Amino acid sequence: MLIAVSNVHENITTDNYLFKNVNVSAGDNLLESWHDLYSYAQTFGIDVCTPDTVDLAEIDAFIFNDMPHRKNKYFKFAIEKNVPSYLLVSENGLMASDNLNPKCHIYFKKIFTYYDKQVDNVKYFKINYSFRLPAKINKDLSARSNFCIMIAGNKYFLHPQELYSERLKAIRWFEKYHPDEFDLYGIDWDGKLIWTKNRTLNKAIKILSRFSFIKKILTAKYPSYKGFVERKAPLLSKYRFSICYENCRDISGYITEKILDCLFAGCVPIYLGADNVSSHIPDNCFIDKRNFSDYDKLYCYLKQMSEGDYLRYLDNIENFLKSEKARQFSTQYFSEAIVNEIKKDLMHDR
């Protein structure tokens, strides 16, 4: 039995890349789930590969990670040859609207998705961003000499639910009022043009930036920016708090590595994103930004927190990661949920 995995990011689904590497630039250990899925499938005599490494005629099923383009050659092949296909939804519905579009789902036997509102355990099955959960976290406060950090890419997207602008608001607030207590890391924070919520103005800025002397004026500057970071965990472990906002808000069940990376590193997250996050991660494990009307109130809460209260957050995080509730974020759950469903279908169809 042979299952082929195709990702919209083709660079990680060629030459079996996602089964050979655990890290990508977007985050630490984001490909661990594929490593463990590969090993789990092997226990049933099932081979998993990227489609470029085999004869397509040998493939028994396809997994498409995020909705493929209609012209994707593997997607076209699967439709034309009636090869059973499964969709794994990872990207949020704002950036990839077809991911959550039921009209696009007719091509798939089953969909594995973060989106809670579609889960019915018949065609739609719950899957989260998944990792090998740590048995314990570092609670040594002496190692956390820094106050607050944000690790994020400098992106923007005009939509009522986007949180890119909220990240900017947090950055600018700390730079203005407490510059010595906040550090920014990530990509595209140096040399990127000023961004506004006005499309016409953004176009004008882009045109004017063709003139080098004007571009220098229109380039945004971030004094808190410390550079790109290869791996998040060692850096997060030096900070007490991390501002980790999803790219968008109020998408049910969309909980990514942004908060999980912080939990694993024992860095208390300040979170905005999924409207039902506390249904999946206990609210005593993170600081919900929705509970604070402005950054002054949030800052006061953080500064007034005693070491005892901070350690309670870390205890709560560790207890959660050991609990059955956290299993939904584990690579074991990811592997079993996907492989078992596909295996059941293929055995039934034979």
Protein backbone atom coordinates (compact mmCIF):
# COMPACT_ATOMS: atom_id res chain seq x y z
CA MET A 1 0.00 0.00 0.00
CA LEU A 2 1.46 3.38 -1.02
CA ILE A 3 0.36 6.85 0.13
CA ALA A 4 1.79 9.97 -1.52
CA VAL A 5 1.89 13.36 0.23
CA SER A 6 1.77 16.61 -1.75
CA ASN A 7 2.09 20.05 -0.15
CA VAL A 8 1.29 23.45 -1.65
CA HIS A 9 4.84 24.36 -0.62
CA GLU A 10 6.47 22.12 -3.19
CA ASN A 11 10.00 22.59 -1.85
CA ILE A 12 9.21 20.42 1.17
CA THR A 13 7.38 17.72 -0.78
CA THR A 14 10.06 16.77 -3.25
CA ASP A 15 12.60 14.01 -2.75
CA ASN A 16 10.82 12.99 0.48
CA TYR A 17 12.06 16.18 2.16
CA LEU A 18 9.36 16.30 4.82
CA PHE A 19 10.24 12.78 6.00
CA LYS A 20 13.97 13.59 6.25
CA ASN A 21 13.89 17.00 8.02
CA VAL A 22 12.06 18.21 11.12
CA ASN A 23 12.61 21.98 10.93
CA VAL A 24 11.48 24.60 8.44
CA SER A 25 11.97 28.36 8.53
CA ALA A 26 8.41 28.92 9.79
CA GLY A 27 9.01 27.10 13.05
CA ASP A 28 10.80 24.48 15.12
CA ASN A 29 9.95 20.83 14.54
CA LEU A 30 7.01 21.57 12.25
CA LEU A 31 7.72 18.42 10.23
CA GLU A 32 7.96 16.05 13.21
CA SER A 33 4.39 14.96 12.58
CA TRP A 34 5.31 13.71 9.10
CA HIS A 35 8.31 11.79 10.47
CA ASP A 36 6.11 10.01 12.98
CA LEU A 37 3.30 9.42 10.48
CA TYR A 38 5.84 7.76 8.18
CA SER A 39 7.03 5.46 10.99
CA TYR A 40 3.50 4.66 12.14
CA ALA A 41 2.39 3.78 8.61
CA GLN A 42 5.38 1.46 8.25
CA THR A 43 4.09 -0.68 11.14
CA PHE A 44 1.16 -1.63 8.89
CA GLY A 45 3.31 -2.22 5.84
CA ILE A 46 2.23 1.10 4.33
CA ASP A 47 4.81 3.17 2.48
CA VAL A 48 4.55 6.98 2.50
CA CYS A 49 6.42 9.15 0.02
CA THR A 50 6.35 12.34 -1.99
CA PRO A 51 4.83 11.71 -5.43
CA ASP A 52 7.91 12.78 -7.38
CA THR A 53 9.81 9.72 -6.11
CA VAL A 54 7.51 7.00 -7.49
CA ASP A 55 5.54 5.92 -10.53
CA LEU A 56 2.17 7.67 -10.09
CA ALA A 57 0.36 4.52 -11.23
CA GLU A 58 1.58 2.76 -8.07
CA ILE A 59 -0.04 5.26 -5.67
CA ASP A 60 -3.05 3.96 -3.71
CA ALA A 61 -3.98 7.28 -2.10
CA PHE A 62 -2.97 10.94 -2.03
CA ILE A 63 -2.79 13.29 0.94
CA PHE A 64 -2.89 16.92 -0.17
CA ASN A 65 -1.62 19.30 2.50
CA ASP A 66 -3.80 22.37 1.90
CA MET A 67 -6.06 22.76 -1.10
CA PRO A 68 -3.99 22.28 -4.27
CA HIS A 69 -4.27 24.48 -7.34
CA ARG A 70 -6.56 23.02 -10.00
CA LYS A 71 -3.56 22.78 -12.33
CA ASN A 72 -1.46 20.81 -9.85
CA LYS A 73 -0.34 17.76 -11.83
CA TYR A 74 -0.81 15.35 -8.93
CA PHE A 75 -4.26 16.69 -8.15
CA LYS A 76 -5.25 16.40 -11.82
CA PHE A 77 -3.89 12.85 -11.92
CA ALA A 78 -5.82 11.85 -8.78
CA ILE A 79 -9.08 13.19 -10.23
CA GLU A 80 -8.58 11.70 -13.69
CA LYS A 81 -7.56 8.26 -12.37
CA ASN A 82 -10.02 8.30 -9.47
CA VAL A 83 -7.27 7.78 -6.89
CA PRO A 84 -8.64 8.19 -3.33
CA SER A 85 -7.59 11.60 -2.07
CA TYR A 86 -7.54 13.22 1.36
CA LEU A 87 -7.17 16.87 2.30
CA LEU A 88 -5.16 18.05 5.30
CA VAL A 89 -6.07 21.65 6.11
CA SER A 90 -3.24 23.63 7.74
CA GLU A 91 -3.35 27.21 6.43
CA ASN A 92 -6.03 29.54 7.76
CA GLY A 93 -9.10 30.31 5.69
CA LEU A 94 -8.18 33.96 5.19
CA MET A 95 -4.96 33.17 3.39
CA ALA A 96 -6.31 30.08 1.63
CA SER A 97 -10.09 30.45 1.33
CA ASP A 98 -10.53 27.21 -0.63
CA ASN A 99 -9.26 25.27 2.39
CA LEU A 100 -12.60 25.73 4.15
CA ASN A 101 -14.82 25.78 1.05
CA PRO A 102 -17.15 22.72 0.99
CA LYS A 103 -17.47 23.05 -2.79
CA CYS A 104 -13.76 22.25 -3.08
CA HIS A 105 -14.07 19.29 -0.75
CA ILE A 106 -16.07 17.14 -3.18
CA TYR A 107 -12.78 15.82 -4.59
CA PHE A 108 -11.75 14.24 -1.28
CA LYS A 109 -12.95 11.16 0.58
CA LYS A 110 -12.17 12.81 3.90
CA ILE A 111 -10.82 16.09 5.23
CA PHE A 112 -8.54 16.47 8.25
CA THR A 113 -8.95 20.02 9.51
CA TYR A 114 -8.31 22.39 12.41
CA TYR A 115 -11.68 24.07 11.75
CA ASP A 116 -13.94 22.95 14.59
CA LYS A 117 -17.16 24.09 12.93
CA GLN A 118 -16.77 21.55 10.11
CA VAL A 119 -15.75 18.54 12.20
CA ASP A 120 -18.40 15.80 12.12
CA ASN A 121 -16.21 12.66 12.38
CA VAL A 122 -17.79 11.35 9.20
CA LYS A 123 -16.15 13.33 6.41
CA TYR A 124 -14.40 15.99 8.50
CA PHE A 125 -11.94 15.02 11.23
CA LYS A 126 -10.15 17.20 13.77
CA ILE A 127 -6.39 17.65 13.31
CA ASN A 128 -4.14 20.25 14.94
CA TYR A 129 -0.61 21.43 14.39
CA SER A 130 1.20 18.51 16.00
CA PHE A 131 4.46 17.98 17.88
CA ARG A 132 6.30 15.52 20.11
CA LEU A 133 5.12 16.81 23.47
CA PRO A 134 7.86 17.40 26.07
CA ALA A 135 7.64 15.45 29.32
CA LYS A 136 8.61 18.55 31.31
CA ILE A 137 9.49 22.20 30.79
CA ASN A 138 12.30 24.37 32.13
CA LYS A 139 11.13 26.24 35.24
CA ASP A 140 14.47 27.83 36.11
CA LEU A 141 13.56 31.52 36.44
CA SER A 142 17.20 32.56 36.72
CA ALA A 143 17.60 31.71 33.02
CA ARG A 144 14.77 34.10 32.10
CA SER A 145 16.55 37.41 32.45
CA ASN A 146 14.58 39.05 29.63
CA PHE A 147 11.03 40.31 29.93
CA CYS A 148 9.03 40.08 26.68
CA ILE A 149 9.65 38.86 23.14
CA MET A 150 7.84 38.58 19.83
CA ILE A 151 8.98 36.22 17.07
CA ALA A 152 7.02 36.85 13.88
CA GLY A 153 7.32 37.67 10.22
CA ASN A 154 6.49 41.16 8.99
CA LYS A 155 3.46 40.48 6.82
CA TYR A 156 0.21 42.25 6.10
CA PHE A 157 -3.19 41.37 4.73
CA LEU A 158 -6.22 43.63 4.48
CA HIS A 159 -9.09 41.81 6.17
CA PRO A 160 -11.29 42.55 9.22
CA GLN A 161 -9.96 39.44 10.99
CA GLU A 162 -6.22 39.94 10.35
CA LEU A 163 -3.92 40.31 13.34
CA TYR A 164 -0.82 41.63 11.57
CA SER A 165 -1.82 45.18 12.47
CA GLU A 166 -2.35 44.17 16.11
CA ARG A 167 1.21 42.86 16.21
CA LEU A 168 2.41 46.22 14.92
CA LYS A 169 0.41 47.97 17.61
CA ALA A 170 2.09 45.86 20.31
CA ILE A 171 5.55 46.47 18.84
CA ARG A 172 5.10 50.22 18.62
CA TRP A 173 3.65 50.43 22.14
CA PHE A 174 6.63 48.67 23.69
CA GLU A 175 9.10 50.64 21.58
CA LYS A 176 7.54 53.87 22.80
CA TYR A 177 6.98 53.14 26.48
CA HIS A 178 9.27 50.24 27.50
CA PRO A 179 11.94 49.76 24.83
CA ASP A 180 14.36 48.05 27.22
CA GLU A 181 11.87 45.31 28.06
CA PHE A 182 10.89 44.09 24.60
CA ASP A 183 12.75 42.39 21.75
CA LEU A 184 11.50 41.64 18.24
CA TYR A 185 12.78 38.78 16.09
CA GLY A 186 11.73 37.38 12.73
CA ILE A 187 11.97 38.11 9.02
CA ASP A 188 11.27 41.19 6.88
CA TRP A 189 11.45 43.76 9.68
CA ASP A 190 14.41 45.56 8.15
CA GLY A 191 13.99 47.36 4.85
CA LYS A 192 10.26 46.80 4.37
CA LEU A 193 7.99 49.65 3.31
CA ILE A 194 5.49 51.33 5.59
CA TRP A 195 2.12 49.57 5.46
CA THR A 196 -1.33 51.10 6.05
CA LYS A 197 -4.90 49.81 5.97
CA ASN A 198 -5.60 52.00 2.94
CA ARG A 199 -5.10 50.08 -0.33
CA THR A 200 -4.77 53.24 -2.43
CA LEU A 201 -2.16 54.69 -0.11
CA ASN A 202 -0.21 51.40 -0.12
CA LYS A 203 -0.11 51.47 -3.92
CA ALA A 204 1.13 55.06 -3.87
CA ILE A 205 3.86 54.16 -1.37
CA LYS A 206 4.96 51.28 -3.59
CA ILE A 207 5.18 53.54 -6.65
CA LEU A 208 7.05 56.30 -4.81
CA SER A 209 9.50 53.78 -3.36
CA ARG A 210 11.01 53.33 -6.84
CA PHE A 211 12.96 56.49 -6.08
CA SER A 212 15.77 55.51 -3.72
CA PHE A 213 15.80 58.76 -1.72
CA ILE A 214 12.03 58.47 -1.12
CA LYS A 215 12.24 54.74 -0.37
CA LYS A 216 14.57 55.53 2.51
CA ILE A 217 11.89 57.78 4.02
CA LEU A 218 9.07 55.28 3.40
CA THR A 219 10.93 52.30 4.87
CA ALA A 220 9.61 51.33 8.29
CA LYS A 221 12.13 51.21 11.12
CA TYR A 222 11.82 49.00 14.20
CA PRO A 223 14.31 49.84 16.98
CA SER A 224 13.31 46.69 18.88
CA TYR A 225 14.31 44.41 16.01
CA LYS A 226 17.16 42.05 16.90
CA GLY A 227 17.32 39.94 13.75
CA PHE A 228 16.39 36.57 12.29
CA VAL A 229 16.47 33.50 14.51
CA GLU A 230 17.17 29.97 13.28
CA ARG A 231 15.49 28.11 16.14
CA LYS A 232 12.90 29.56 18.49
CA ALA A 233 13.15 27.34 21.55
CA PRO A 234 16.59 28.43 22.89
CA LEU A 235 15.60 32.08 22.51
CA LEU A 236 12.12 31.77 24.03
CA SER A 237 13.60 30.04 27.07
CA LYS A 238 15.41 33.30 27.96
CA TYR A 239 12.17 35.33 28.22
CA ARG A 240 9.28 35.37 30.68
CA PHE A 241 6.58 36.35 28.21
CA SER A 242 6.00 36.07 24.49
CA ILE A 243 3.46 37.97 22.39
CA CYS A 244 2.21 35.25 20.07
CA TYR A 245 -0.72 36.35 17.94
CA GLU A 246 -2.07 34.16 15.17
CA ASN A 247 -2.22 35.69 11.70
CA CYS A 248 -5.99 36.03 12.09
CA ARG A 249 -8.58 35.98 14.83
CA ASP A 250 -11.88 34.21 15.51
CA ILE A 251 -11.30 31.15 13.33
CA SER A 252 -12.56 28.29 15.46
CA GLY A 253 -9.84 25.77 16.29
CA TYR A 254 -7.04 27.51 14.38
CA ILE A 255 -4.27 27.09 16.96
CA THR A 256 -0.74 26.97 15.56
CA GLU A 257 2.89 26.57 16.57
CA LYS A 258 2.88 30.23 17.66
CA ILE A 259 1.43 29.44 21.08
CA LEU A 260 2.68 25.85 21.27
CA ASP A 261 6.33 26.87 20.77
CA CYS A 262 5.98 29.12 23.81
CA LEU A 263 4.39 26.42 25.96
CA PHE A 264 7.15 23.94 25.11
CA ALA A 265 9.84 26.51 25.96
CA GLY A 266 8.21 27.43 29.28
CA CYS A 267 7.64 31.00 28.11
CA VAL A 268 4.19 32.25 29.11
CA PRO A 269 2.23 33.17 25.96
CA ILE A 270 0.24 36.36 25.48
CA TYR A 271 -2.28 35.10 22.96
CA LEU A 272 -4.76 36.35 20.39
CA GLY A 273 -6.26 34.13 17.73
CA ALA A 274 -8.76 31.29 17.88
CA ASP A 275 -11.99 32.41 19.52
CA ASN A 276 -12.30 29.05 21.31
CA VAL A 277 -8.66 28.57 22.29
CA SER A 278 -9.58 27.74 25.90
CA SER A 279 -11.61 24.76 24.65
CA HIS A 280 -8.32 23.21 23.59
CA ILE A 281 -5.70 24.80 25.88
CA PRO A 282 -6.69 25.64 29.50
CA ASP A 283 -6.89 29.39 30.06
CA ASN A 284 -4.58 29.12 33.08
CA CYS A 285 -1.72 28.25 30.68
CA PHE A 286 -1.66 31.55 28.80
CA ILE A 287 -2.55 35.23 29.06
CA ASP A 288 -5.57 36.06 26.93
CA LYS A 289 -5.05 39.49 25.37
CA ARG A 290 -8.84 39.83 25.02
CA ASN A 291 -9.00 40.34 28.78
CA PHE A 292 -7.06 43.63 28.51
CA SER A 293 -8.51 46.69 26.82
CA ASP A 294 -5.10 48.24 26.13
CA TYR A 295 -1.37 47.56 26.44
CA ASP A 296 -1.03 49.71 29.56
CA LYS A 297 -3.30 47.33 31.46
CA LEU A 298 -1.58 44.28 30.01
CA TYR A 299 1.86 45.63 30.96
CA CYS A 300 0.75 46.38 34.53
CA TYR A 301 -0.54 42.82 34.87
CA LEU A 302 2.74 41.37 33.63
CA LYS A 303 4.93 43.59 35.82
CA GLN A 304 2.89 43.01 38.96
CA MET A 305 2.94 39.23 38.58
CA SER A 306 4.77 37.59 41.49
CA GLU A 307 7.27 34.79 40.99
CA GLY A 308 4.79 32.46 42.64
CA ASP A 309 2.05 33.38 40.19
CA TYR A 310 4.47 33.04 37.28
CA LEU A 311 5.55 29.58 38.43
CA ARG A 312 1.90 28.58 38.66
CA TYR A 313 1.56 29.37 34.96
CA LEU A 314 4.54 27.08 34.28
CA ASP A 315 3.07 24.33 36.48
CA ASN A 316 -0.24 24.64 34.64
CA ILE A 317 1.54 24.42 31.29
CA GLU A 318 3.47 21.32 32.33
CA ASN A 319 0.35 19.66 33.73
CA PHE A 320 -1.52 20.38 30.51
CA LEU A 321 1.26 18.96 28.32
CA LYS A 322 1.15 15.74 30.36
CA SER A 323 -2.64 15.49 30.18
CA GLU A 324 -4.94 13.63 27.81
CA LYS A 325 -6.29 16.98 26.63
CA ALA A 326 -2.91 17.83 25.10
CA ARG A 327 -2.81 14.58 23.13
CA GLN A 328 -4.70 16.23 20.26
CA PHE A 329 -1.52 18.28 19.61
CA SER A 330 0.76 15.22 19.59
CA THR A 331 2.36 13.59 16.58
CA GLN A 332 0.99 10.28 17.82
CA TYR A 333 -2.58 11.56 17.51
CA PHE A 334 -1.81 13.10 14.11
CA SER A 335 -0.35 9.84 12.78
CA GLU A 336 -3.09 7.60 14.12
CA ALA A 337 -5.96 9.83 13.00
CA ILE A 338 -4.76 10.12 9.41
CA VAL A 339 -3.27 6.67 8.79
CA ASN A 340 -6.10 4.76 10.48
CA GLU A 341 -8.80 6.51 8.46
CA ILE A 342 -7.01 6.04 5.15
CA LYS A 343 -6.14 2.42 5.95
CA LYS A 344 -9.75 1.70 6.84
CA ASP A 345 -10.99 3.18 3.56
CA LEU A 346 -8.45 1.39 1.39
CA MET A 347 -9.07 -1.97 3.07
CA HIS A 348 -12.82 -1.50 2.63
CA ASP A 349 -12.49 -0.61 -1.06
CA ARG A 350 -10.36 -3.65 -1.91
